Amino acid sequence: MDWLSQGSSRLKPLGIKRPEDPIKTLGIQFTYDTNLLYSTNFKCKMEEMKKLVNIWSGQGLSIYGKVMVIKSLLFSKFVYISAVLPTP
């Protein structure tokens, strides 16, 4: 009899209890709640991006400078998260 066929073991496979709080590793928070997963990872990064845009907007950059900031600082945050988590 495998562990999937046991009634109570479906919630605790191999006797390991699921964590209730998000687990953060390498800058990404993992949780079983999908709403919390997206809000802690994607929405948080959106707020960080808004702050970076506000900081760099007063610098008087050329269009090429703005493109470099967007490509190097802003896109990299979402590419990293999207590589690990499903994108909403």
PDB file of N, CA and C in Angstrom:
ATOM      1  N   MET A   1       0.845  -1.176   0.000  1.00  0.00           N
ATOM      2  CA  MET A   1       0.000   0.000   0.000  1.00  0.00           C
ATOM      3  C   MET A   1       0.892   1.242   0.000  1.00  0.00           C
ATOM      4  N   ASP A   2       0.716   2.116  -0.982  1.00  0.00           N
ATOM      5  CA  ASP A   2       1.545   3.308  -1.041  1.00  0.00           C
ATOM      6  C   ASP A   2       0.931   4.431  -0.205  1.00  0.00           C
ATOM      7  N   TRP A   3       1.653   5.510  -0.045  1.00  0.00           N
ATOM      8  CA  TRP A   3       1.222   6.587   0.849  1.00  0.00           C
ATOM      9  C   TRP A   3       0.057   7.378   0.280  1.00  0.00           C
ATOM     10  N   LEU A   4      -0.182   7.342  -1.033  1.00  0.00           N
ATOM     11  CA  LEU A   4      -1.312   8.065  -1.609  1.00  0.00           C
ATOM     12  C   LEU A   4      -2.644   7.402  -1.291  1.00  0.00           C
ATOM     13  N   SER A   5      -2.640   6.095  -1.107  1.00  0.00           N
ATOM     14  CA  SER A   5      -3.894   5.398  -0.857  1.00  0.00           C
ATOM     15  C   SER A   5      -4.334   5.488   0.601  1.00  0.00           C
ATOM     16  N   GLN A   6      -3.479   5.944   1.481  1.00  0.00           N
ATOM     17  CA  GLN A   6      -3.836   6.082   2.883  1.00  0.00           C
ATOM     18  C   GLN A   6      -4.556   7.404   3.081  1.00  0.00           C
ATOM     19  N   GLY A   7      -5.676   7.397   3.806  1.00  0.00           N
ATOM     20  CA  GLY A   7      -6.514   8.582   3.959  1.00  0.00           C
ATOM     21  C   GLY A   7      -5.838   9.747   4.647  1.00  0.00           C
ATOM     22  N   SER A   8      -5.252   9.554   5.804  1.00  0.00           N
ATOM     23  CA  SER A   8      -4.660  10.662   6.547  1.00  0.00           C
ATOM     24  C   SER A   8      -3.295  11.062   6.006  1.00  0.00           C
ATOM     25  N   SER A   9      -2.661  10.199   5.257  1.00  0.00           N
ATOM     26  CA  SER A   9      -1.322  10.504   4.756  1.00  0.00           C
ATOM     27  C   SER A   9      -1.347  11.452   3.565  1.00  0.00           C
ATOM     28  N   ARG A  10      -2.512  11.705   2.999  1.00  0.00           N
ATOM     29  CA  ARG A  10      -2.568  12.639   1.884  1.00  0.00           C
ATOM     30  C   ARG A  10      -2.210  14.048   2.335  1.00  0.00           C
ATOM     31  N   LEU A  11      -2.570  14.383   3.548  1.00  0.00           N
ATOM     32  CA  LEU A  11      -2.234  15.698   4.061  1.00  0.00           C
ATOM     33  C   LEU A  11      -0.801  15.766   4.552  1.00  0.00           C
ATOM     34  N   LYS A  12      -0.281  14.641   5.001  1.00  0.00           N
ATOM     35  CA  LYS A  12       1.088  14.584   5.489  1.00  0.00           C
ATOM     36  C   LYS A  12       1.826  13.439   4.798  1.00  0.00           C
ATOM     37  N   PRO A  13       2.281  13.658   3.551  1.00  0.00           N
ATOM     38  CA  PRO A  13       2.997  12.566   2.890  1.00  0.00           C
ATOM     39  C   PRO A  13       4.303  12.258   3.613  1.00  0.00           C
ATOM     40  N   LEU A  14       4.547  11.008   3.790  1.00  0.00           N
ATOM     41  CA  LEU A  14       5.751  10.508   4.462  1.00  0.00           C
ATOM     42  C   LEU A  14       5.856  11.016   5.902  1.00  0.00           C
ATOM     43  N   GLY A  15       4.727  11.425   6.486  1.00  0.00           N
ATOM     44  CA  GLY A  15       4.718  11.896   7.864  1.00  0.00           C
ATOM     45  C   GLY A  15       5.261  13.299   8.055  1.00  0.00           C
ATOM     46  N   ILE A  16       5.441  14.064   6.976  1.00  0.00           N
ATOM     47  CA  ILE A  16       5.988  15.415   7.058  1.00  0.00           C
ATOM     48  C   ILE A  16       4.829  16.404   7.058  1.00  0.00           C
ATOM     49  N   LYS A  17       4.793  17.276   8.018  1.00  0.00           N
ATOM     50  CA  LYS A  17       3.734  18.262   8.129  1.00  0.00           C
ATOM     51  C   LYS A  17       4.001  19.435   7.175  1.00  0.00           C
ATOM     52  N   ARG A  18       2.953  19.903   6.490  1.00  0.00           N
ATOM     53  CA  ARG A  18       3.082  21.062   5.607  1.00  0.00           C
ATOM     54  C   ARG A  18       3.285  22.319   6.432  1.00  0.00           C
ATOM     55  N   PRO A  19       4.183  23.190   6.010  1.00  0.00           N
ATOM     56  CA  PRO A  19       4.358  24.449   6.738  1.00  0.00           C
ATOM     57  C   PRO A  19       3.188  25.395   6.446  1.00  0.00           C
ATOM     58  N   GLU A  20       2.758  26.125   7.458  1.00  0.00           N
ATOM     59  CA  GLU A  20       1.655  27.069   7.289  1.00  0.00           C
ATOM     60  C   GLU A  20       2.157  28.437   6.858  1.00  0.00           C
ATOM     61  N   ASP A  21       3.326  28.821   7.287  1.00  0.00           N
ATOM     62  CA  ASP A  21       3.899  30.108   6.915  1.00  0.00           C
ATOM     63  C   ASP A  21       4.709  29.957   5.628  1.00  0.00           C
ATOM     64  N   PRO A  22       4.825  31.042   4.855  1.00  0.00           N
ATOM     65  CA  PRO A  22       5.653  30.964   3.638  1.00  0.00           C
ATOM     66  C   PRO A  22       7.116  30.707   3.973  1.00  0.00           C
ATOM     67  N   ILE A  23       7.760  29.974   3.106  1.00  0.00           N
ATOM     68  CA  ILE A  23       9.183  29.684   3.244  1.00  0.00           C
ATOM     69  C   ILE A  23       9.923  30.551   2.237  1.00  0.00           C
ATOM     70  N   LYS A  24      10.894  31.327   2.697  1.00  0.00           N
ATOM     71  CA  LYS A  24      11.636  32.214   1.807  1.00  0.00           C
ATOM     72  C   LYS A  24      13.020  31.641   1.562  1.00  0.00           C
ATOM     73  N   THR A  25      13.339  31.494   0.291  1.00  0.00           N
ATOM     74  CA  THR A  25      14.657  31.040  -0.091  1.00  0.00           C
ATOM     75  C   THR A  25      15.061  31.716  -1.392  1.00  0.00           C
ATOM     76  N   LEU A  26      16.276  32.224  -1.447  1.00  0.00           N
ATOM     77  CA  LEU A  26      16.825  32.911  -2.605  1.00  0.00           C
ATOM     78  C   LEU A  26      15.936  34.051  -3.087  1.00  0.00           C
ATOM     79  N   GLY A  27      15.280  34.722  -2.155  1.00  0.00           N
ATOM     80  CA  GLY A  27      14.473  35.888  -2.482  1.00  0.00           C
ATOM     81  C   GLY A  27      13.060  35.589  -2.936  1.00  0.00           C
ATOM     82  N   ILE A  28      12.655  34.332  -2.953  1.00  0.00           N
ATOM     83  CA  ILE A  28      11.308  33.950  -3.378  1.00  0.00           C
ATOM     84  C   ILE A  28      10.619  33.259  -2.210  1.00  0.00           C
ATOM     85  N   GLN A  29       9.369  33.654  -1.971  1.00  0.00           N
ATOM     86  CA  GLN A  29       8.596  33.033  -0.905  1.00  0.00           C
ATOM     87  C   GLN A  29       7.696  31.959  -1.490  1.00  0.00           C
ATOM     88  N   PHE A  30       7.788  30.758  -0.959  1.00  0.00           N
ATOM     89  CA  PHE A  30       6.991  29.624  -1.409  1.00  0.00           C
ATOM     90  C   PHE A  30       5.913  29.341  -0.381  1.00  0.00           C
ATOM     91  N   THR A  31       4.688  29.123  -0.865  1.00  0.00           N
ATOM     92  CA  THR A  31       3.571  28.786  -0.009  1.00  0.00           C
ATOM     93  C   THR A  31       2.562  27.982  -0.809  1.00  0.00           C
ATOM     94  N   TYR A  32       1.661  27.279  -0.119  1.00  0.00           N
ATOM     95  CA  TYR A  32       0.631  26.501  -0.798  1.00  0.00           C
ATOM     96  C   TYR A  32      -0.555  27.366  -1.215  1.00  0.00           C
ATOM     97  N   ASP A  33      -0.710  28.529  -0.632  1.00  0.00           N
ATOM     98  CA  ASP A  33      -1.790  29.450  -0.966  1.00  0.00           C
ATOM     99  C   ASP A  33      -1.380  30.263  -2.191  1.00  0.00           C
ATOM    100  N   THR A  34      -2.067  30.071  -3.325  1.00  0.00           N
ATOM    101  CA  THR A  34      -1.660  30.740  -4.565  1.00  0.00           C
ATOM    102  C   THR A  34      -1.854  32.247  -4.506  1.00  0.00           C
ATOM    103  N   ASN A  35      -2.891  32.715  -3.824  1.00  0.00           N
ATOM    104  CA  ASN A  35      -3.084  34.165  -3.702  1.00  0.00           C
ATOM    105  C   ASN A  35      -1.940  34.798  -2.926  1.00  0.00           C
ATOM    106  N   LEU A  36      -1.545  34.178  -1.846  1.00  0.00           N
ATOM    107  CA  LEU A  36      -0.430  34.669  -1.047  1.00  0.00           C
ATOM    108  C   LEU A  36       0.883  34.541  -1.821  1.00  0.00           C
ATOM    109  N   LEU A  37       1.014  33.500  -2.599  1.00  0.00           N
ATOM    110  CA  LEU A  37       2.211  33.298  -3.415  1.00  0.00           C
ATOM    111  C   LEU A  37       2.405  34.457  -4.389  1.00  0.00           C
ATOM    112  N   TYR A  38       1.338  34.854  -5.087  1.00  0.00           N
ATOM    113  CA  TYR A  38       1.439  35.940  -6.054  1.00  0.00           C
ATOM    114  C   TYR A  38       1.584  37.293  -5.380  1.00  0.00           C
ATOM    115  N   SER A  39       0.892  37.494  -4.272  1.00  0.00           N
ATOM    116  CA  SER A  39       0.981  38.805  -3.618  1.00  0.00           C
ATOM    117  C   SER A  39       2.341  39.021  -2.968  1.00  0.00           C
ATOM    118  N   THR A  40       2.925  37.985  -2.406  1.00  0.00           N
ATOM    119  CA  THR A  40       4.220  38.161  -1.750  1.00  0.00           C
ATOM    120  C   THR A  40       5.369  38.243  -2.738  1.00  0.00           C
ATOM    121  N   ASN A  41       5.203  37.673  -3.915  1.00  0.00           N
ATOM    122  CA  ASN A  41       6.304  37.682  -4.878  1.00  0.00           C
ATOM    123  C   ASN A  41       6.122  38.730  -5.969  1.00  0.00           C
ATOM    124  N   PHE A  42       5.035  38.663  -6.705  1.00  0.00           N
ATOM    125  CA  PHE A  42       4.871  39.548  -7.851  1.00  0.00           C
ATOM    126  C   PHE A  42       4.465  40.960  -7.451  1.00  0.00           C
ATOM    127  N   LYS A  43       3.506  41.090  -6.554  1.00  0.00           N
ATOM    128  CA  LYS A  43       3.071  42.433  -6.153  1.00  0.00           C
ATOM    129  C   LYS A  43       4.159  43.167  -5.392  1.00  0.00           C
ATOM    130  N   CYS A  44       4.914  42.436  -4.606  1.00  0.00           N
ATOM    131  CA  CYS A  44       6.037  43.038  -3.882  1.00  0.00           C
ATOM    132  C   CYS A  44       7.083  43.563  -4.857  1.00  0.00           C
ATOM    133  N   LYS A  45       7.368  42.804  -5.905  1.00  0.00           N
ATOM    134  CA  LYS A  45       8.336  43.250  -6.903  1.00  0.00           C
ATOM    135  C   LYS A  45       7.822  44.456  -7.680  1.00  0.00           C
ATOM    136  N   MET A  46       6.510  44.549  -7.895  1.00  0.00           N
ATOM    137  CA  MET A  46       5.936  45.717  -8.567  1.00  0.00           C
ATOM    138  C   MET A  46       6.178  46.978  -7.739  1.00  0.00           C
ATOM    139  N   GLU A  47       6.024  46.871  -6.431  1.00  0.00           N
ATOM    140  CA  GLU A  47       6.281  48.013  -5.551  1.00  0.00           C
ATOM    141  C   GLU A  47       7.757  48.409  -5.598  1.00  0.00           C
ATOM    142  N   GLU A  48       8.647  47.430  -5.613  1.00  0.00           N
ATOM    143  CA  GLU A  48      10.077  47.725  -5.726  1.00  0.00           C
ATOM    144  C   GLU A  48      10.396  48.399  -7.048  1.00  0.00           C
ATOM    145  N   MET A  49       9.727  47.964  -8.124  1.00  0.00           N
ATOM    146  CA  MET A  49       9.952  48.566  -9.429  1.00  0.00           C
ATOM    147  C   MET A  49       9.488  50.020  -9.452  1.00  0.00           C
ATOM    148  N   LYS A  50       8.363  50.304  -8.819  1.00  0.00           N
ATOM    149  CA  LYS A  50       7.867  51.681  -8.760  1.00  0.00           C
ATOM    150  C   LYS A  50       8.862  52.578  -8.029  1.00  0.00           C
ATOM    151  N   LYS A  51       9.447  52.070  -6.960  1.00  0.00           N
ATOM    152  CA  LYS A  51      10.441  52.847  -6.218  1.00  0.00           C
ATOM    153  C   LYS A  51      11.681  53.106  -7.075  1.00  0.00           C
ATOM    154  N   LEU A  52      12.128  52.087  -7.811  1.00  0.00           N
ATOM    155  CA  LEU A  52      13.294  52.266  -8.680  1.00  0.00           C
ATOM    156  C   LEU A  52      13.016  53.265  -9.795  1.00  0.00           C
ATOM    157  N   VAL A  53      11.824  53.217 -10.353  1.00  0.00           N
ATOM    158  CA  VAL A  53      11.471  54.163 -11.411  1.00  0.00           C
ATOM    159  C   VAL A  53      11.467  55.580 -10.864  1.00  0.00           C
ATOM    160  N   ASN A  54      10.944  55.757  -9.660  1.00  0.00           N
ATOM    161  CA  ASN A  54      10.930  57.087  -9.043  1.00  0.00           C
ATOM    162  C   ASN A  54      12.347  57.593  -8.774  1.00  0.00           C
ATOM    163  N   ILE A  55      13.229  56.709  -8.363  1.00  0.00           N
ATOM    164  CA  ILE A  55      14.612  57.104  -8.103  1.00  0.00           C
ATOM    165  C   ILE A  55      15.306  57.516  -9.393  1.00  0.00           C
ATOM    166  N   TRP A  56      15.156  56.713 -10.449  1.00  0.00           N
ATOM    167  CA  TRP A  56      15.852  56.969 -11.700  1.00  0.00           C
ATOM    168  C   TRP A  56      15.186  58.047 -12.551  1.00  0.00           C
ATOM    169  N   SER A  57      13.926  58.381 -12.288  1.00  0.00           N
ATOM    170  CA  SER A  57      13.244  59.372 -13.128  1.00  0.00           C
ATOM    171  C   SER A  57      13.816  60.779 -12.947  1.00  0.00           C
ATOM    172  N   GLY A  58      14.374  61.073 -11.816  1.00  0.00           N
ATOM    173  CA  GLY A  58      14.938  62.394 -11.575  1.00  0.00           C
ATOM    174  C   GLY A  58      16.383  62.550 -12.007  1.00  0.00           C
ATOM    175  N   GLN A  59      16.939  61.548 -12.663  1.00  0.00           N
ATOM    176  CA  GLN A  59      18.354  61.587 -13.027  1.00  0.00           C
ATOM    177  C   GLN A  59      18.631  62.248 -14.376  1.00  0.00           C
ATOM    178  N   GLY A  60      17.602  62.543 -15.146  1.00  0.00           N
ATOM    179  CA  GLY A  60      17.816  63.185 -16.442  1.00  0.00           C
ATOM    180  C   GLY A  60      18.498  62.282 -17.446  1.00  0.00           C
ATOM    181  N   LEU A  61      18.082  61.025 -17.520  1.00  0.00           N
ATOM    182  CA  LEU A  61      18.707  60.063 -18.423  1.00  0.00           C
ATOM    183  C   LEU A  61      18.209  60.240 -19.849  1.00  0.00           C
ATOM    184  N   SER A  62      19.048  59.875 -20.794  1.00  0.00           N
ATOM    185  CA  SER A  62      18.630  59.848 -22.197  1.00  0.00           C
ATOM    186  C   SER A  62      17.730  58.632 -22.405  1.00  0.00           C
ATOM    187  N   ILE A  63      17.175  58.507 -23.586  1.00  0.00           N
ATOM    188  CA  ILE A  63      16.318  57.358 -23.876  1.00  0.00           C
ATOM    189  C   ILE A  63      17.109  56.056 -23.779  1.00  0.00           C
ATOM    190  N   TYR A  64      18.377  56.069 -24.183  1.00  0.00           N
ATOM    191  CA  TYR A  64      19.227  54.876 -24.085  1.00  0.00           C
ATOM    192  C   TYR A  64      19.530  54.530 -22.623  1.00  0.00           C
ATOM    193  N   GLY A  65      19.708  55.545 -21.815  1.00  0.00           N
ATOM    194  CA  GLY A  65      19.927  55.310 -20.389  1.00  0.00           C
ATOM    195  C   GLY A  65      18.701  54.722 -19.720  1.00  0.00           C
ATOM    196  N   LYS A  66      17.524  55.205 -20.113  1.00  0.00           N
ATOM    197  CA  LYS A  66      16.277  54.672 -19.559  1.00  0.00           C
ATOM    198  C   LYS A  66      16.072  53.213 -19.964  1.00  0.00           C
ATOM    199  N   VAL A  67      16.408  52.916 -21.220  1.00  0.00           N
ATOM    200  CA  VAL A  67      16.287  51.531 -21.688  1.00  0.00           C
ATOM    201  C   VAL A  67      17.246  50.628 -20.927  1.00  0.00           C
ATOM    202  N   MET A  68      18.440  51.087 -20.666  1.00  0.00           N
ATOM    203  CA  MET A  68      19.415  50.289 -19.913  1.00  0.00           C
ATOM    204  C   MET A  68      18.934  50.020 -18.484  1.00  0.00           C
ATOM    205  N   VAL A  69      18.352  51.036 -17.850  1.00  0.00           N
ATOM    206  CA  VAL A  69      17.826  50.853 -16.491  1.00  0.00           C
ATOM    207  C   VAL A  69      16.698  49.833 -16.498  1.00  0.00           C
ATOM    208  N   ILE A  70      15.806  49.942 -17.461  1.00  0.00           N
ATOM    209  CA  ILE A  70      14.679  49.015 -17.542  1.00  0.00           C
ATOM    210  C   ILE A  70      15.173  47.593 -17.789  1.00  0.00           C
ATOM    211  N   LYS A  71      16.092  47.422 -18.731  1.00  0.00           N
ATOM    212  CA  LYS A  71      16.568  46.083 -19.069  1.00  0.00           C
ATOM    213  C   LYS A  71      17.400  45.460 -17.960  1.00  0.00           C
ATOM    214  N   SER A  72      18.243  46.251 -17.323  1.00  0.00           N
ATOM    215  CA  SER A  72      19.161  45.663 -16.341  1.00  0.00           C
ATOM    216  C   SER A  72      18.554  45.551 -14.955  1.00  0.00           C
ATOM    217  N   LEU A  73      17.763  46.512 -14.535  1.00  0.00           N
ATOM    218  CA  LEU A  73      17.237  46.497 -13.170  1.00  0.00           C
ATOM    219  C   LEU A  73      15.810  45.973 -13.057  1.00  0.00           C
ATOM    220  N   LEU A  74      14.944  46.400 -13.943  1.00  0.00           N
ATOM    221  CA  LEU A  74      13.523  46.088 -13.785  1.00  0.00           C
ATOM    222  C   LEU A  74      13.151  44.721 -14.347  1.00  0.00           C
ATOM    223  N   PHE A  75      13.547  44.428 -15.570  1.00  0.00           N
ATOM    224  CA  PHE A  75      13.184  43.149 -16.170  1.00  0.00           C
ATOM    225  C   PHE A  75      13.823  41.967 -15.456  1.00  0.00           C
ATOM    226  N   SER A  76      15.013  42.166 -14.950  1.00  0.00           N
ATOM    227  CA  SER A  76      15.713  41.050 -14.309  1.00  0.00           C
ATOM    228  C   SER A  76      14.969  40.537 -13.086  1.00  0.00           C
ATOM    229  N   LYS A  77      14.279  41.414 -12.381  1.00  0.00           N
ATOM    230  CA  LYS A  77      13.514  40.985 -11.204  1.00  0.00           C
ATOM    231  C   LYS A  77      12.379  40.049 -11.596  1.00  0.00           C
ATOM    232  N   PHE A  78      11.668  40.372 -12.671  1.00  0.00           N
ATOM    233  CA  PHE A  78      10.551  39.530 -13.094  1.00  0.00           C
ATOM    234  C   PHE A  78      11.000  38.273 -13.815  1.00  0.00           C
ATOM    235  N   VAL A  79      12.088  38.341 -14.536  1.00  0.00           N
ATOM    236  CA  VAL A  79      12.580  37.153 -15.229  1.00  0.00           C
ATOM    237  C   VAL A  79      12.996  36.100 -14.213  1.00  0.00           C
ATOM    238  N   TYR A  80      13.636  36.522 -13.147  1.00  0.00           N
ATOM    239  CA  TYR A  80      14.073  35.578 -12.118  1.00  0.00           C
ATOM    240  C   TYR A  80      12.882  34.894 -11.452  1.00  0.00           C
ATOM    241  N   ILE A  81      11.882  35.669 -11.059  1.00  0.00           N
ATOM    242  CA  ILE A  81      10.705  35.088 -10.402  1.00  0.00           C
ATOM    243  C   ILE A  81       9.913  34.226 -11.373  1.00  0.00           C
ATOM    244  N   SER A  82       9.763  34.698 -12.598  1.00  0.00           N
ATOM    245  CA  SER A  82       8.982  33.952 -13.593  1.00  0.00           C
ATOM    246  C   SER A  82       9.660  32.649 -13.998  1.00  0.00           C
ATOM    247  N   ALA A  83      10.955  32.560 -13.832  1.00  0.00           N
ATOM    248  CA  ALA A  83      11.649  31.318 -14.136  1.00  0.00           C
ATOM    249  C   ALA A  83      11.374  30.249 -13.083  1.00  0.00           C
ATOM    250  N   VAL A  84      11.035  30.669 -11.881  1.00  0.00           N
ATOM    251  CA  VAL A  84      10.830  29.738 -10.785  1.00  0.00           C
ATOM    252  C   VAL A  84       9.342  29.461 -10.557  1.00  0.00           C
ATOM    253  N   LEU A  85       8.511  30.484 -10.630  1.00  0.00           N
ATOM    254  CA  LEU A  85       7.084  30.366 -10.336  1.00  0.00           C
ATOM    255  C   LEU A  85       6.243  30.520 -11.589  1.00  0.00           C
ATOM    256  N   PRO A  86       5.040  29.954 -11.597  1.00  0.00           N
ATOM    257  CA  PRO A  86       4.138  30.203 -12.722  1.00  0.00           C
ATOM    258  C   PRO A  86       3.699  31.662 -12.715  1.00  0.00           C
ATOM    259  N   THR A  87       3.714  32.302 -13.877  1.00  0.00           N
ATOM    260  CA  THR A  87       3.396  33.718 -13.986  1.00  0.00           C
ATOM    261  C   THR A  87       1.884  33.914 -13.978  1.00  0.00           C
ATOM    262  N   PRO A  88       1.387  34.872 -13.174  1.00  0.00           N
ATOM    263  CA  PRO A  88      -0.065  35.102 -13.152  1.00  0.00           C
ATOM    264  C   PRO A  88      -0.548  35.769 -14.428  1.00  0.00           C
TER     265      PRO A  88
END
